[in-house]
Amino acid sequence: PPNLVLILADDLGKYDLSLYGPAPVQTPHIDSIARRGVRFPEAYVTSPICSPSRAALLTGRYQQRFGHEHQPHERYPRNRLEYLAFQYFFDTEEWIVADDKREYPRPADIRRQGLPPSEITLAEWLRKFGYRTGIFGKWHLGYHAPSLPLQMGFDHHYGFYEAYSLYADPDDPRIVNQRHDDFSDPYIWGKGRTGGAAIRVNDSIVDEAGYLTYRIAEEACRFIQDHEHEPFFLYVPFSAPHTPFQAPRELVDRFGQVADPNKQTYYAMIAALDEAVGSIVGQLRKSGLDDNTLLVFLSDNGGATYTKATSNAPLKGGKFTFFEGGINVPMAWQWPDRLPPGGNYNQPVSALDLFPTFCAAAGIPLPPGREIDGIDLLPFLEGRRSGPPHEALYWRSGYLQAIRSGPWKMIVDS
């Protein structure tokens, strides 16, 4: 059976990398995936925000089927001022104002947030059929048992549980830090690498000194080396280029012609991400596994325009929105043994499709007794089926809903 590799970027705008043409950052390693395989101009995720998107990605099911429509949080607004700030930032009416302390979610309630154990993840299902499974990077599908990586099908975990963690020590002179003027910024930097932002190896906190994007790739490469002689599923959810903005100074210096230091750091984070992807692709080649490996690269949602480092142009909107800038994401695949190089698949596809496609590639059935919303894309990519894989794609987040069918898309504010 083939090896299966899923690489996920975090808040990466579709046109901030050179996969689709001229861009602020040249990303030769990510681009090489498409050159050796296929590029998807119409790739969608099921949510414009991190956690719900990842929940659908790993289950092949719309996240609404199991109560994961919204982002899990470590804390909730405790007064009117916090509520208004959160409401403005997240654009949602799902927040509850805790005027009475009895309404404030108890720690036990917050701990129950996450991917429910009743769901079957891609890792869990592949492991059942003999695959070794590893995750390296950002989890963000629950901060407590039973919704942690080792309980959701992964044999090995390196990374952190929450939405973000520091990439490096802010006092390291080799690192450039860029702060942002929004209410979440002090929380991100103040939290540092504590609690769910701590770097862990199999649930044990470790003191990590290296730049996190590089370290994630190094640990992923080690996993490949350790399992060269058995089929594996490697899931690499990088945290880049999500805030906090931190990048190696030598990479920031490459963008000295860019006047805005905020954009310099953002672009440098994407350049580091590209290098990290290149090291994983290179390790597959060194291990003699690249021809028999289906590798997928995509982002969990569009670029975060609130950082003022990206606009997602020419797409409208960005993270948190159902406009194209929020849900139309970069995606490329390679599988030299099966997919011809240099392909361009122009039909709308979804991150939901990865679960059934990976199962088909591995030659295993889909989990019985549950609705899988994704479609196996291999017959379409190999020319055995024609037409669009999906009659329609759907989105919902609170009072906002959207649908795309053919060339038409409708967004509704109810």
Protein backbone atom coordinates (compact mmCIF):
# COMPACT_ATOMS: atom_id res chain seq x y z
CA PRO A 1 0.00 0.00 0.00
CA PRO A 2 1.12 3.60 -0.52
CA ASN A 3 2.29 5.92 2.20
CA LEU A 4 -0.04 8.85 2.87
CA VAL A 5 1.21 12.33 3.77
CA LEU A 6 -1.08 15.27 4.60
CA ILE A 7 0.63 18.65 5.06
CA LEU A 8 -1.52 21.51 6.33
CA ALA A 9 -0.62 25.20 6.43
CA ASP A 10 -2.35 27.54 8.87
CA ASP A 11 -4.02 30.77 7.68
CA LEU A 12 -2.10 30.70 4.39
CA GLY A 13 -3.59 32.94 1.71
CA LYS A 14 -3.97 31.30 -1.69
CA TYR A 15 -2.04 34.01 -3.53
CA ASP A 16 0.67 34.59 -0.92
CA LEU A 17 2.66 31.69 -2.37
CA SER A 18 3.77 31.13 -5.96
CA LEU A 19 1.71 27.96 -6.54
CA TYR A 20 -0.74 29.92 -8.72
CA GLY A 21 1.65 32.41 -10.31
CA PRO A 22 3.55 35.55 -9.29
CA ALA A 23 3.36 36.12 -5.55
CA PRO A 24 5.07 38.00 -2.72
CA VAL A 25 6.89 34.80 -1.69
CA GLN A 26 8.53 32.27 -3.98
CA THR A 27 7.67 28.78 -2.72
CA PRO A 28 9.59 26.38 -4.97
CA HIS A 29 9.16 23.32 -2.76
CA ILE A 30 5.39 23.65 -2.46
CA ASP A 31 5.18 24.46 -6.16
CA SER A 32 7.15 21.29 -6.96
CA ILE A 33 4.31 19.17 -5.54
CA ALA A 34 2.01 20.46 -8.29
CA ARG A 35 4.70 20.11 -10.95
CA ARG A 36 5.04 16.44 -10.04
CA GLY A 37 1.30 15.99 -9.66
CA VAL A 38 -1.80 18.15 -9.79
CA ARG A 39 -2.84 21.63 -8.73
CA PHE A 40 -6.37 22.52 -7.60
CA PRO A 41 -7.52 26.09 -8.38
CA GLU A 42 -10.98 25.44 -6.86
CA ALA A 43 -10.13 23.73 -3.56
CA TYR A 44 -12.36 24.52 -0.59
CA VAL A 45 -12.36 23.90 3.14
CA THR A 46 -15.58 23.56 5.13
CA SER A 47 -14.94 26.48 7.49
CA PRO A 48 -13.08 29.80 7.37
CA ILE A 49 -11.60 29.14 10.80
CA CYS A 50 -9.07 26.63 12.07
CA SER A 51 -10.68 24.03 14.31
CA PRO A 52 -13.95 23.29 12.46
CA SER A 53 -12.00 23.05 9.21
CA ARG A 54 -9.61 20.51 10.73
CA ALA A 55 -12.47 18.51 12.23
CA ALA A 56 -13.98 18.00 8.77
CA LEU A 57 -10.58 17.33 7.22
CA LEU A 58 -9.79 14.41 9.53
CA THR A 59 -13.28 12.86 9.49
CA GLY A 60 -14.48 13.40 5.92
CA ARG A 61 -17.73 14.70 7.42
CA TYR A 62 -19.24 18.15 7.70
CA GLN A 63 -18.37 19.27 11.21
CA GLN A 64 -22.03 20.14 11.91
CA ARG A 65 -22.78 16.40 12.03
CA PHE A 66 -20.97 16.14 15.36
CA GLY A 67 -21.31 19.55 16.98
CA HIS A 68 -18.00 21.07 15.89
CA GLU A 69 -19.39 24.03 13.99
CA HIS A 70 -17.58 26.57 16.15
CA GLN A 71 -14.13 27.09 17.53
CA PRO A 72 -13.34 25.51 20.92
CA HIS A 73 -11.93 28.06 23.34
CA GLU A 74 -9.94 28.00 26.50
CA ARG A 75 -11.99 30.81 28.02
CA TYR A 76 -15.20 32.76 27.34
CA PRO A 77 -16.22 36.40 27.83
CA ARG A 78 -17.08 37.13 31.45
CA ASN A 79 -18.45 40.65 31.07
CA ARG A 80 -20.03 42.99 28.53
CA LEU A 81 -16.73 44.56 27.47
CA GLU A 82 -15.15 41.20 26.72
CA TYR A 83 -18.28 40.08 24.91
CA LEU A 84 -18.29 43.12 22.64
CA ALA A 85 -14.61 42.70 21.87
CA PHE A 86 -15.01 39.01 21.09
CA GLN A 87 -18.17 39.64 19.05
CA TYR A 88 -16.40 42.25 16.95
CA PHE A 89 -13.39 40.05 16.38
CA PHE A 90 -15.14 36.78 15.64
CA ASP A 91 -18.34 38.13 14.02
CA THR A 92 -20.59 35.60 15.68
CA GLU A 93 -23.68 35.64 17.86
CA GLU A 94 -22.84 32.34 19.48
CA TRP A 95 -21.10 33.95 22.46
CA ILE A 96 -23.04 33.90 25.73
CA VAL A 97 -22.63 36.90 28.02
CA ALA A 98 -22.02 35.60 31.51
CA ASP A 99 -23.90 38.22 33.54
CA ASP A 100 -24.31 35.64 36.26
CA LYS A 101 -21.29 33.60 37.35
CA ARG A 102 -23.46 30.50 37.14
CA GLU A 103 -23.67 31.05 33.35
CA TYR A 104 -19.91 31.13 32.89
CA PRO A 105 -18.71 27.79 31.45
CA ARG A 106 -17.16 25.71 34.17
CA PRO A 107 -13.67 24.24 33.59
CA ALA A 108 -15.30 20.82 33.26
CA ASP A 109 -17.54 22.14 30.47
CA ILE A 110 -14.63 23.71 28.62
CA ARG A 111 -12.63 20.48 28.87
CA ARG A 112 -15.41 18.63 27.05
CA GLN A 113 -14.95 20.75 23.93
CA GLY A 114 -13.26 19.01 21.04
CA LEU A 115 -13.58 16.23 18.53
CA PRO A 116 -15.97 13.71 20.10
CA PRO A 117 -14.69 10.15 20.56
CA SER A 118 -17.70 8.91 18.60
CA GLU A 119 -16.03 10.26 15.44
CA ILE A 120 -13.56 8.12 13.48
CA THR A 121 -10.52 10.05 12.33
CA LEU A 122 -8.54 9.19 9.23
CA ALA A 123 -5.64 8.19 11.48
CA GLU A 124 -7.80 5.89 13.57
CA TRP A 125 -9.25 4.18 10.50
CA LEU A 126 -5.92 3.75 8.71
CA ARG A 127 -4.28 2.37 11.85
CA LYS A 128 -6.99 -0.28 12.00
CA PHE A 129 -5.69 -1.53 8.64
CA GLY A 130 -2.01 -1.62 9.55
CA TYR A 131 -0.81 1.94 9.01
CA ARG A 132 1.55 3.62 11.45
CA THR A 133 0.25 7.10 12.23
CA GLY A 134 1.99 10.27 13.34
CA ILE A 135 1.01 13.91 13.84
CA PHE A 136 3.55 16.74 13.96
CA GLY A 137 2.36 20.27 14.66
CA LYS A 138 -0.86 21.97 15.73
CA TRP A 139 -3.75 19.77 16.92
CA HIS A 140 -6.54 22.25 17.85
CA LEU A 141 -9.27 19.61 18.09
CA GLY A 142 -9.57 19.46 21.86
CA TYR A 143 -7.30 20.29 24.75
CA HIS A 144 -8.19 17.45 27.10
CA ALA A 145 -8.97 13.74 27.09
CA PRO A 146 -10.61 12.03 25.27
CA SER A 147 -10.01 14.41 22.35
CA LEU A 148 -6.20 14.34 22.24
CA PRO A 149 -4.10 12.98 19.35
CA LEU A 150 -3.02 9.75 21.03
CA GLN A 151 -6.68 8.98 21.77
CA MET A 152 -7.84 9.84 18.25
CA GLY A 153 -5.80 7.35 16.26
CA PHE A 154 -2.23 8.62 16.30
CA ASP A 155 0.69 6.45 17.42
CA HIS A 156 3.02 9.40 17.86
CA HIS A 157 2.54 13.11 18.50
CA TYR A 158 4.89 16.08 18.47
CA GLY A 159 3.50 19.60 18.76
CA PHE A 160 0.92 21.53 20.76
CA TYR A 161 -2.79 21.23 21.49
CA GLU A 162 -4.19 24.76 21.15
CA ALA A 163 -4.63 27.33 18.38
CA TYR A 164 -1.14 28.79 18.56
CA SER A 165 2.23 28.59 20.27
CA LEU A 166 5.39 30.64 20.11
CA TYR A 167 7.68 29.69 17.25
CA ALA A 168 10.78 30.58 19.26
CA ASP A 169 12.03 32.41 22.32
CA PRO A 170 11.07 36.07 21.75
CA ASP A 171 14.39 37.12 23.31
CA ASP A 172 16.46 35.13 20.82
CA PRO A 173 18.46 37.71 18.79
CA ARG A 174 18.21 35.45 15.73
CA ILE A 175 14.41 35.86 15.72
CA VAL A 176 12.32 38.81 14.54
CA ASN A 177 9.07 39.34 16.46
CA GLN A 178 6.15 41.33 15.10
CA ARG A 179 3.36 42.31 17.47
CA HIS A 180 -0.20 43.19 16.43
CA ASP A 181 -2.65 45.75 17.69
CA ASP A 182 -5.59 43.49 18.48
CA PHE A 183 -7.07 42.22 21.70
CA SER A 184 -5.77 38.65 21.30
CA ASP A 185 -2.13 39.65 20.87
CA PRO A 186 -1.26 40.13 24.56
CA TYR A 187 -2.88 36.78 25.33
CA ILE A 188 -0.88 34.94 22.67
CA TRP A 189 2.46 36.37 23.73
CA GLY A 190 1.66 36.30 27.43
CA LYS A 191 0.68 32.65 27.32
CA GLY A 192 3.95 31.71 25.67
CA ARG A 193 4.40 27.96 25.74
CA THR A 194 2.32 27.11 28.76
CA GLY A 195 -0.80 24.95 29.07
CA GLY A 196 -2.16 23.88 25.70
CA ALA A 197 0.51 25.95 23.94
CA ALA A 198 3.31 23.87 25.47
CA ILE A 199 5.34 21.73 23.07
CA ARG A 200 4.74 18.06 23.79
CA VAL A 201 6.03 14.69 22.72
CA ASN A 202 3.33 12.09 23.35
CA ASP A 203 1.68 14.23 26.04
CA SER A 204 4.95 15.00 27.85
CA ILE A 205 6.02 18.65 27.83
CA VAL A 206 9.48 19.26 26.37
CA ASP A 207 11.74 22.30 26.34
CA GLU A 208 12.02 23.14 22.65
CA ALA A 209 14.80 25.51 21.62
CA GLY A 210 14.58 25.38 17.81
CA TYR A 211 12.40 27.42 15.45
CA LEU A 212 9.10 25.56 15.58
CA THR A 213 8.38 25.33 11.84
CA TYR A 214 11.76 23.71 11.28
CA ARG A 215 11.43 21.45 14.30
CA ILE A 216 8.05 20.15 13.14
CA ALA A 217 9.61 19.19 9.82
CA GLU A 218 12.62 17.58 11.48
CA GLU A 219 10.43 15.39 13.65
CA ALA A 220 8.26 14.48 10.66
CA CYS A 221 11.38 13.46 8.73
CA ARG A 222 12.47 11.29 11.64
CA PHE A 223 9.08 9.57 11.57
CA ILE A 224 9.58 8.80 7.87
CA GLN A 225 13.02 7.34 8.59
CA ASP A 226 11.67 5.22 11.43
CA HIS A 227 8.91 3.73 9.27
CA GLU A 228 10.55 3.31 5.88
CA HIS A 229 9.60 -0.36 5.74
CA GLU A 230 5.92 -0.14 6.73
CA PRO A 231 3.00 1.92 5.45
CA PHE A 232 2.42 5.14 7.33
CA PHE A 233 0.03 8.08 7.53
CA LEU A 234 1.93 11.26 8.28
CA TYR A 235 -0.15 14.33 9.25
CA VAL A 236 1.86 17.56 9.45
CA PRO A 237 -0.35 20.49 10.50
CA PHE A 238 2.15 23.35 10.59
CA SER A 239 1.19 26.43 12.60
CA ALA A 240 2.71 28.78 10.01
CA PRO A 241 1.93 31.44 9.06
CA HIS A 242 -0.65 31.86 11.89
CA THR A 243 0.13 34.45 14.55
CA PRO A 244 2.29 35.11 16.54
CA PHE A 245 4.49 36.53 13.80
CA GLN A 246 8.03 35.27 14.45
CA ALA A 247 10.63 34.40 11.83
CA PRO A 248 14.37 33.78 11.55
CA ARG A 249 16.16 37.08 10.98
CA GLU A 250 18.07 35.68 8.00
CA LEU A 251 14.77 34.99 6.24
CA VAL A 252 13.30 38.38 7.15
CA ASP A 253 16.37 40.01 5.62
CA ARG A 254 15.50 38.40 2.27
CA PHE A 255 12.48 40.69 2.11
CA GLY A 256 14.34 43.91 2.80
CA GLN A 257 12.77 45.48 -0.29
CA VAL A 258 9.35 45.22 1.41
CA ALA A 259 8.67 48.46 3.27
CA ASP A 260 6.27 47.03 5.85
CA PRO A 261 8.10 45.07 8.60
CA ASN A 262 4.86 43.25 9.41
CA LYS A 263 4.72 41.86 5.87
CA GLN A 264 8.44 41.12 5.95
CA THR A 265 7.92 38.80 8.90
CA TYR A 266 4.82 37.19 7.41
CA TYR A 267 6.60 36.50 4.14
CA ALA A 268 9.60 35.09 6.00
CA MET A 269 7.29 32.70 7.87
CA ILE A 270 5.94 31.45 4.53
CA ALA A 271 9.49 31.05 3.22
CA ALA A 272 10.35 28.98 6.30
CA LEU A 273 7.21 26.91 5.75
CA ASP A 274 8.28 26.23 2.17
CA GLU A 275 11.73 25.13 3.32
CA ALA A 276 10.13 22.83 5.88
CA VAL A 277 7.84 21.28 3.25
CA GLY A 278 10.90 20.82 1.06
CA SER A 279 12.70 18.89 3.78
CA ILE A 280 9.76 16.47 4.12
CA VAL A 281 9.51 15.95 0.36
CA GLY A 282 13.28 15.51 0.27
CA GLN A 283 13.20 12.91 3.03
CA LEU A 284 10.63 10.88 1.13
CA ARG A 285 12.98 10.95 -1.85
CA LYS A 286 16.03 9.99 0.24
CA SER A 287 14.10 7.07 1.72
CA GLY A 288 13.05 5.90 -1.74
CA LEU A 289 9.38 6.40 -0.89
CA ASP A 290 8.28 9.38 -2.95
CA ASP A 291 6.96 7.46 -5.96
CA ASN A 292 4.70 5.33 -3.77
CA THR A 293 3.49 8.18 -1.55
CA LEU A 294 0.32 10.20 -2.01
CA LEU A 295 1.24 13.63 -0.65
CA VAL A 296 -1.30 16.44 -0.23
CA PHE A 297 -0.61 20.07 0.68
CA LEU A 298 -3.35 22.58 1.55
CA SER A 299 -4.28 25.33 4.00
CA ASP A 300 -6.94 25.13 6.71
CA ASN A 301 -8.53 28.45 5.62
CA GLY A 302 -7.66 31.66 3.87
CA GLY A 303 -5.27 34.35 4.97
CA ALA A 304 -5.98 36.32 8.15
CA THR A 305 -6.60 39.83 6.87
CA TYR A 306 -6.82 41.23 10.41
CA THR A 307 -3.02 40.86 10.65
CA LYS A 308 -2.72 43.46 7.87
CA ALA A 309 -0.07 41.26 6.25
CA THR A 310 -2.33 39.80 3.56
CA SER A 311 -5.46 40.77 1.65
CA ASN A 312 -6.05 37.50 -0.26
CA ALA A 313 -6.41 39.64 -3.42
CA PRO A 314 -7.79 39.13 -5.98
CA LEU A 315 -10.15 37.10 -3.79
CA LYS A 316 -12.61 38.93 -1.55
CA GLY A 317 -12.50 38.57 2.22
CA GLY A 318 -10.38 36.26 4.32
CA LYS A 319 -10.36 34.15 7.44
CA PHE A 320 -13.70 34.25 9.34
CA THR A 321 -15.67 34.96 6.12
CA PHE A 322 -17.48 32.80 3.57
CA PHE A 323 -16.16 34.93 0.74
CA GLU A 324 -13.63 33.19 -1.48
CA GLY A 325 -10.70 34.61 0.47
CA GLY A 326 -11.83 32.69 3.54
CA ILE A 327 -12.54 29.23 2.14
CA ASN A 328 -10.86 28.88 -1.29
CA VAL A 329 -7.42 27.59 -0.36
CA PRO A 330 -4.18 26.48 -2.02
CA MET A 331 -3.96 22.73 -2.64
CA ALA A 332 -1.58 20.45 -4.56
CA TRP A 333 -1.08 16.67 -4.70
CA GLN A 334 1.62 14.35 -5.92
CA TRP A 335 1.69 10.58 -6.33
CA PRO A 336 4.15 9.71 -9.11
CA ASP A 337 3.06 6.08 -9.27
CA ARG A 338 -0.54 7.04 -10.07
CA LEU A 339 -0.92 10.72 -11.02
CA PRO A 340 0.68 12.24 -14.13
CA PRO A 341 2.76 15.39 -13.56
CA GLY A 342 1.71 18.95 -14.26
CA GLY A 343 -2.02 18.45 -13.88
CA ASN A 344 -4.58 21.15 -13.22
CA TYR A 345 -7.97 19.98 -11.92
CA ASN A 346 -10.46 22.82 -12.29
CA GLN A 347 -13.63 21.39 -10.72
CA PRO A 348 -14.59 22.45 -7.18
CA VAL A 349 -13.28 19.98 -4.60
CA SER A 350 -13.36 19.89 -0.81
CA ALA A 351 -11.04 19.00 2.04
CA LEU A 352 -13.77 16.47 2.86
CA ASP A 353 -12.57 14.48 -0.15
CA LEU A 354 -9.24 13.56 1.41
CA PHE A 355 -10.68 10.96 3.79
CA PRO A 356 -12.34 8.79 1.09
CA THR A 357 -9.50 9.39 -1.37
CA PHE A 358 -6.87 8.25 1.13
CA CYS A 359 -8.96 5.19 1.96
CA ALA A 360 -9.30 4.34 -1.73
CA ALA A 361 -5.58 4.82 -2.26
CA ALA A 362 -4.88 2.46 0.64
CA GLY A 363 -7.35 -0.09 -0.72
CA ILE A 364 -9.53 -0.07 2.38
CA PRO A 365 -13.30 0.45 2.75
CA LEU A 366 -14.94 3.48 4.29
CA PRO A 367 -16.14 3.20 7.89
CA PRO A 368 -19.58 1.57 7.90
CA GLY A 369 -22.69 3.02 9.48
CA ARG A 370 -21.91 6.70 8.98
CA GLU A 371 -22.31 9.33 6.31
CA ILE A 372 -19.04 10.34 4.66
CA ASP A 373 -19.52 13.65 2.86
CA GLY A 374 -16.33 13.58 0.81
CA ILE A 375 -15.81 11.98 -2.60
CA ASP A 376 -12.94 9.75 -3.77
CA LEU A 377 -11.19 12.02 -6.28
CA LEU A 378 -8.87 9.43 -7.84
CA PRO A 379 -11.33 8.36 -10.58
CA PHE A 380 -11.71 12.01 -11.60
CA LEU A 381 -7.99 12.72 -11.58
CA GLU A 382 -7.21 9.55 -13.54
CA GLY A 383 -9.90 10.19 -16.15
CA ARG A 384 -12.16 7.30 -15.16
CA ARG A 385 -14.98 9.68 -14.22
CA SER A 386 -15.97 13.04 -15.67
CA GLY A 387 -18.03 15.96 -14.50
CA PRO A 388 -17.96 17.70 -11.13
CA PRO A 389 -17.40 15.46 -8.08
CA HIS A 390 -19.91 17.50 -6.03
CA GLU A 391 -23.36 18.71 -6.99
CA ALA A 392 -22.98 21.38 -4.32
CA LEU A 393 -20.74 22.42 -1.43
CA TYR A 394 -22.16 23.83 1.80
CA TRP A 395 -21.04 26.03 4.67
CA ARG A 396 -22.61 27.19 7.93
CA SER A 397 -21.31 29.10 10.92
CA GLY A 398 -23.98 30.38 13.25
CA TYR A 399 -26.25 32.76 11.38
CA LEU A 400 -24.14 32.66 8.21
CA GLN A 401 -24.70 30.01 5.53
CA ALA A 402 -23.32 29.56 2.03
CA ILE A 403 -23.70 27.19 -0.89
CA ARG A 404 -21.79 26.77 -4.14
CA SER A 405 -23.28 24.88 -7.07
CA GLY A 406 -21.52 25.02 -10.42
CA PRO A 407 -20.38 28.59 -11.13
CA TRP A 408 -22.87 30.02 -8.62
CA LYS A 409 -22.42 30.79 -4.96
CA MET A 410 -24.86 32.26 -2.44
CA ILE A 411 -24.12 33.59 1.04
CA VAL A 412 -27.04 34.11 3.43
CA ASP A 413 -27.12 36.08 6.68
CA SER A 414 -30.14 34.73 8.55
